[in-house]
Amino acid sequence: MSRACLLLAIASGVGMPLSVPAVRARRRRVGPGAYGAAAASHAHTVHVGGT
């Protein structure tokens, strides 16, 4: 049990710094039109309700 806890602590310690470049890379990929498309997406949905 103590080995598993130690392994999980090491994996968490390695994973946290690696998540920072992943988040930064994802932010750069968003194009300029993506925010406008997200803002207008409510106008292009289809109502499925019965009434």
PDB file of N, CA and C in Angstrom:
ATOM      1  N   MET A   1       0.819  -1.189   0.000  1.00  0.00           N
ATOM      2  CA  MET A   1       0.000   0.000   0.000  1.00  0.00           C
ATOM      3  C   MET A   1       0.867   1.259   0.000  1.00  0.00           C
ATOM      4  N   SER A   2       1.936   1.255   0.782  1.00  0.00           N
ATOM      5  CA  SER A   2       2.775   2.446   0.836  1.00  0.00           C
ATOM      6  C   SER A   2       3.511   2.669  -0.486  1.00  0.00           C
ATOM      7  N   ARG A   3       3.847   1.592  -1.194  1.00  0.00           N
ATOM      8  CA  ARG A   3       4.503   1.742  -2.498  1.00  0.00           C
ATOM      9  C   ARG A   3       3.550   2.349  -3.513  1.00  0.00           C
ATOM     10  N   ALA A   4       2.299   1.940  -3.445  1.00  0.00           N
ATOM     11  CA  ALA A   4       1.314   2.497  -4.372  1.00  0.00           C
ATOM     12  C   ALA A   4       1.102   3.980  -4.106  1.00  0.00           C
ATOM     13  N   CYS A   5       1.044   4.373  -2.857  1.00  0.00           N
ATOM     14  CA  CYS A   5       0.886   5.789  -2.512  1.00  0.00           C
ATOM     15  C   CYS A   5       2.098   6.592  -2.978  1.00  0.00           C
ATOM     16  N   LEU A   6       3.267   6.038  -2.807  1.00  0.00           N
ATOM     17  CA  LEU A   6       4.477   6.715  -3.253  1.00  0.00           C
ATOM     18  C   LEU A   6       4.488   6.868  -4.772  1.00  0.00           C
ATOM     19  N   LEU A   7       4.097   5.830  -5.478  1.00  0.00           N
ATOM     20  CA  LEU A   7       4.047   5.882  -6.928  1.00  0.00           C
ATOM     21  C   LEU A   7       3.035   6.921  -7.408  1.00  0.00           C
ATOM     22  N   LEU A   8       1.878   6.983  -6.773  1.00  0.00           N
ATOM     23  CA  LEU A   8       0.881   7.970  -7.160  1.00  0.00           C
ATOM     24  C   LEU A   8       1.342   9.395  -6.855  1.00  0.00           C
ATOM     25  N   ALA A   9       2.052   9.587  -5.766  1.00  0.00           N
ATOM     26  CA  ALA A   9       2.578  10.909  -5.447  1.00  0.00           C
ATOM     27  C   ALA A   9       3.617  11.345  -6.479  1.00  0.00           C
ATOM     28  N   ILE A  10       4.457  10.433  -6.906  1.00  0.00           N
ATOM     29  CA  ILE A  10       5.460  10.754  -7.924  1.00  0.00           C
ATOM     30  C   ILE A  10       4.785  11.060  -9.264  1.00  0.00           C
ATOM     31  N   ALA A  11       3.793  10.269  -9.627  1.00  0.00           N
ATOM     32  CA  ALA A  11       3.079  10.501 -10.889  1.00  0.00           C
ATOM     33  C   ALA A  11       2.360  11.850 -10.873  1.00  0.00           C
ATOM     34  N   SER A  12       1.786  12.215  -9.748  1.00  0.00           N
ATOM     35  CA  SER A  12       1.130  13.517  -9.641  1.00  0.00           C
ATOM     36  C   SER A  12       2.142  14.642  -9.723  1.00  0.00           C
ATOM     37  N   GLY A  13       3.279  14.466  -9.081  1.00  0.00           N
ATOM     38  CA  GLY A  13       4.314  15.488  -9.125  1.00  0.00           C
ATOM     39  C   GLY A  13       4.881  15.705 -10.510  1.00  0.00           C
ATOM     40  N   VAL A  14       4.944  14.644 -11.300  1.00  0.00           N
ATOM     41  CA  VAL A  14       5.432  14.767 -12.674  1.00  0.00           C
ATOM     42  C   VAL A  14       4.336  15.314 -13.585  1.00  0.00           C
ATOM     43  N   GLY A  15       3.108  14.944 -13.337  1.00  0.00           N
ATOM     44  CA  GLY A  15       2.000  15.344 -14.204  1.00  0.00           C
ATOM     45  C   GLY A  15       1.611  16.801 -14.108  1.00  0.00           C
ATOM     46  N   MET A  16       1.720  17.379 -12.933  1.00  0.00           N
ATOM     47  CA  MET A  16       1.322  18.781 -12.777  1.00  0.00           C
ATOM     48  C   MET A  16       2.164  19.731 -13.614  1.00  0.00           C
ATOM     49  N   PRO A  17       3.484  19.651 -13.592  1.00  0.00           N
ATOM     50  CA  PRO A  17       4.259  20.555 -14.465  1.00  0.00           C
ATOM     51  C   PRO A  17       4.052  20.277 -15.955  1.00  0.00           C
ATOM     52  N   LEU A  18       3.758  19.045 -16.312  1.00  0.00           N
ATOM     53  CA  LEU A  18       3.531  18.729 -17.723  1.00  0.00           C
ATOM     54  C   LEU A  18       2.200  19.264 -18.231  1.00  0.00           C
ATOM     55  N   SER A  19       1.260  19.537 -17.351  1.00  0.00           N
ATOM     56  CA  SER A  19      -0.034  20.050 -17.788  1.00  0.00           C
ATOM     57  C   SER A  19       0.042  21.511 -18.217  1.00  0.00           C
ATOM     58  N   VAL A  20       0.997  22.259 -17.720  1.00  0.00           N
ATOM     59  CA  VAL A  20       1.110  23.684 -18.068  1.00  0.00           C
ATOM     60  C   VAL A  20       1.393  23.875 -19.556  1.00  0.00           C
ATOM     61  N   PRO A  21       2.373  23.201 -20.161  1.00  0.00           N
ATOM     62  CA  PRO A  21       2.579  23.382 -21.610  1.00  0.00           C
ATOM     63  C   PRO A  21       1.393  22.881 -22.437  1.00  0.00           C
ATOM     64  N   ALA A  22       0.695  21.870 -21.958  1.00  0.00           N
ATOM     65  CA  ALA A  22      -0.454  21.355 -22.699  1.00  0.00           C
ATOM     66  C   ALA A  22      -1.567  22.394 -22.752  1.00  0.00           C
ATOM     67  N   VAL A  23      -1.799  23.090 -21.656  1.00  0.00           N
ATOM     68  CA  VAL A  23      -2.832  24.130 -21.628  1.00  0.00           C
ATOM     69  C   VAL A  23      -2.428  25.302 -22.507  1.00  0.00           C
ATOM     70  N   ARG A  24      -1.184  25.693 -22.461  1.00  0.00           N
ATOM     71  CA  ARG A  24      -0.715  26.807 -23.292  1.00  0.00           C
ATOM     72  C   ARG A  24      -0.803  26.473 -24.773  1.00  0.00           C
ATOM     73  N   ALA A  25      -0.495  25.255 -25.156  1.00  0.00           N
ATOM     74  CA  ALA A  25      -0.568  24.851 -26.560  1.00  0.00           C
ATOM     75  C   ALA A  25      -2.004  24.839 -27.036  1.00  0.00           C
ATOM     76  N   ARG A  26      -2.921  24.453 -26.183  1.00  0.00           N
ATOM     77  CA  ARG A  26      -4.332  24.422 -26.578  1.00  0.00           C
ATOM     78  C   ARG A  26      -4.878  25.831 -26.765  1.00  0.00           C
ATOM     79  N   ARG A  27      -4.449  26.767 -25.963  1.00  0.00           N
ATOM     80  CA  ARG A  27      -4.929  28.144 -26.095  1.00  0.00           C
ATOM     81  C   ARG A  27      -4.484  28.766 -27.418  1.00  0.00           C
ATOM     82  N   ARG A  28      -3.322  28.398 -27.915  1.00  0.00           N
ATOM     83  CA  ARG A  28      -2.814  28.990 -29.154  1.00  0.00           C
ATOM     84  C   ARG A  28      -3.545  28.485 -30.384  1.00  0.00           C
ATOM     85  N   ARG A  29      -4.165  27.318 -30.329  1.00  0.00           N
ATOM     86  CA  ARG A  29      -4.809  26.736 -31.495  1.00  0.00           C
ATOM     87  C   ARG A  29      -6.168  27.349 -31.813  1.00  0.00           C
ATOM     88  N   VAL A  30      -6.748  28.092 -30.898  1.00  0.00           N
ATOM     89  CA  VAL A  30      -8.077  28.655 -31.120  1.00  0.00           C
ATOM     90  C   VAL A  30      -7.965  29.788 -32.119  1.00  0.00           C
ATOM     91  N   GLY A  31      -8.742  29.676 -33.191  1.00  0.00           N
ATOM     92  CA  GLY A  31      -8.722  30.698 -34.223  1.00  0.00           C
ATOM     93  C   GLY A  31      -9.573  31.897 -33.850  1.00  0.00           C
ATOM     94  N   PRO A  32      -9.444  32.988 -34.600  1.00  0.00           N
ATOM     95  CA  PRO A  32     -10.194  34.198 -34.263  1.00  0.00           C
ATOM     96  C   PRO A  32     -11.705  34.049 -34.446  1.00  0.00           C
ATOM     97  N   GLY A  33     -12.129  33.181 -35.339  1.00  0.00           N
ATOM     98  CA  GLY A  33     -13.563  33.008 -35.557  1.00  0.00           C
ATOM     99  C   GLY A  33     -14.230  32.056 -34.586  1.00  0.00           C
ATOM    100  N   ALA A  34     -13.446  31.389 -33.768  1.00  0.00           N
ATOM    101  CA  ALA A  34     -14.024  30.394 -32.869  1.00  0.00           C
ATOM    102  C   ALA A  34     -14.903  31.036 -31.805  1.00  0.00           C
ATOM    103  N   TYR A  35     -14.518  32.188 -31.319  1.00  0.00           N
ATOM    104  CA  TYR A  35     -15.310  32.845 -30.284  1.00  0.00           C
ATOM    105  C   TYR A  35     -16.631  33.363 -30.852  1.00  0.00           C
ATOM    106  N   GLY A  36     -16.602  33.874 -32.062  1.00  0.00           N
ATOM    107  CA  GLY A  36     -17.841  34.320 -32.699  1.00  0.00           C
ATOM    108  C   GLY A  36     -18.775  33.165 -32.976  1.00  0.00           C
ATOM    109  N   ALA A  37     -18.229  32.041 -33.408  1.00  0.00           N
ATOM    110  CA  ALA A  37     -19.055  30.861 -33.658  1.00  0.00           C
ATOM    111  C   ALA A  37     -19.669  30.334 -32.370  1.00  0.00           C
ATOM    112  N   ALA A  38     -18.905  30.379 -31.293  1.00  0.00           N
ATOM    113  CA  ALA A  38     -19.436  29.925 -30.011  1.00  0.00           C
ATOM    114  C   ALA A  38     -20.522  30.866 -29.513  1.00  0.00           C
ATOM    115  N   ALA A  39     -20.362  32.156 -29.742  1.00  0.00           N
ATOM    116  CA  ALA A  39     -21.361  33.121 -29.284  1.00  0.00           C
ATOM    117  C   ALA A  39     -22.651  33.001 -30.083  1.00  0.00           C
ATOM    118  N   ALA A  40     -22.573  32.629 -31.359  1.00  0.00           N
ATOM    119  CA  ALA A  40     -23.765  32.525 -32.194  1.00  0.00           C
ATOM    120  C   ALA A  40     -24.348  31.130 -32.220  1.00  0.00           C
ATOM    121  N   SER A  41     -23.766  30.194 -31.502  1.00  0.00           N
ATOM    122  CA  SER A  41     -24.223  28.803 -31.606  1.00  0.00           C
ATOM    123  C   SER A  41     -25.630  28.608 -31.071  1.00  0.00           C
ATOM    124  N   HIS A  42     -26.076  29.436 -30.161  1.00  0.00           N
ATOM    125  CA  HIS A  42     -27.426  29.261 -29.626  1.00  0.00           C
ATOM    126  C   HIS A  42     -28.484  29.559 -30.685  1.00  0.00           C
ATOM    127  N   ALA A  43     -28.164  30.356 -31.681  1.00  0.00           N
ATOM    128  CA  ALA A  43     -29.121  30.714 -32.721  1.00  0.00           C
ATOM    129  C   ALA A  43     -29.244  29.619 -33.777  1.00  0.00           C
ATOM    130  N   HIS A  44     -28.349  28.659 -33.781  1.00  0.00           N
ATOM    131  CA  HIS A  44     -28.362  27.638 -34.821  1.00  0.00           C
ATOM    132  C   HIS A  44     -28.738  26.264 -34.289  1.00  0.00           C
ATOM    133  N   THR A  45     -29.361  26.212 -33.146  1.00  0.00           N
ATOM    134  CA  THR A  45     -29.761  24.931 -32.596  1.00  0.00           C
ATOM    135  C   THR A  45     -31.197  24.624 -32.992  1.00  0.00           C
ATOM    136  N   VAL A  46     -31.541  23.372 -33.015  1.00  0.00           N
ATOM    137  CA  VAL A  46     -32.864  22.931 -33.401  1.00  0.00           C
ATOM    138  C   VAL A  46     -33.646  22.571 -32.149  1.00  0.00           C
ATOM    139  N   HIS A  47     -34.847  23.115 -32.025  1.00  0.00           N
ATOM    140  CA  HIS A  47     -35.700  22.811 -30.882  1.00  0.00           C
ATOM    141  C   HIS A  47     -36.300  21.418 -31.073  1.00  0.00           C
ATOM    142  N   VAL A  48     -36.153  20.550 -30.097  1.00  0.00           N
ATOM    143  CA  VAL A  48     -36.601  19.168 -30.213  1.00  0.00           C
ATOM    144  C   VAL A  48     -37.878  18.919 -29.398  1.00  0.00           C
ATOM    145  N   GLY A  49     -38.239  19.836 -28.536  1.00  0.00           N
ATOM    146  CA  GLY A  49     -39.395  19.640 -27.649  1.00  0.00           C
ATOM    147  C   GLY A  49     -40.698  19.477 -28.415  1.00  0.00           C
ATOM    148  N   GLY A  50     -41.691  18.867 -27.776  1.00  0.00           N
ATOM    149  CA  GLY A  50     -42.974  18.581 -28.411  1.00  0.00           C
ATOM    150  C   GLY A  50     -43.873  19.789 -28.534  1.00  0.00           C
ATOM    151  N   THR A  51     -43.694  20.787 -27.707  1.00  0.00           N
ATOM    152  CA  THR A  51     -44.600  21.949 -27.783  1.00  0.00           C
ATOM    153  C   THR A  51     -43.916  23.161 -28.310  1.00  0.00           C
TER     154      THR A  51
END
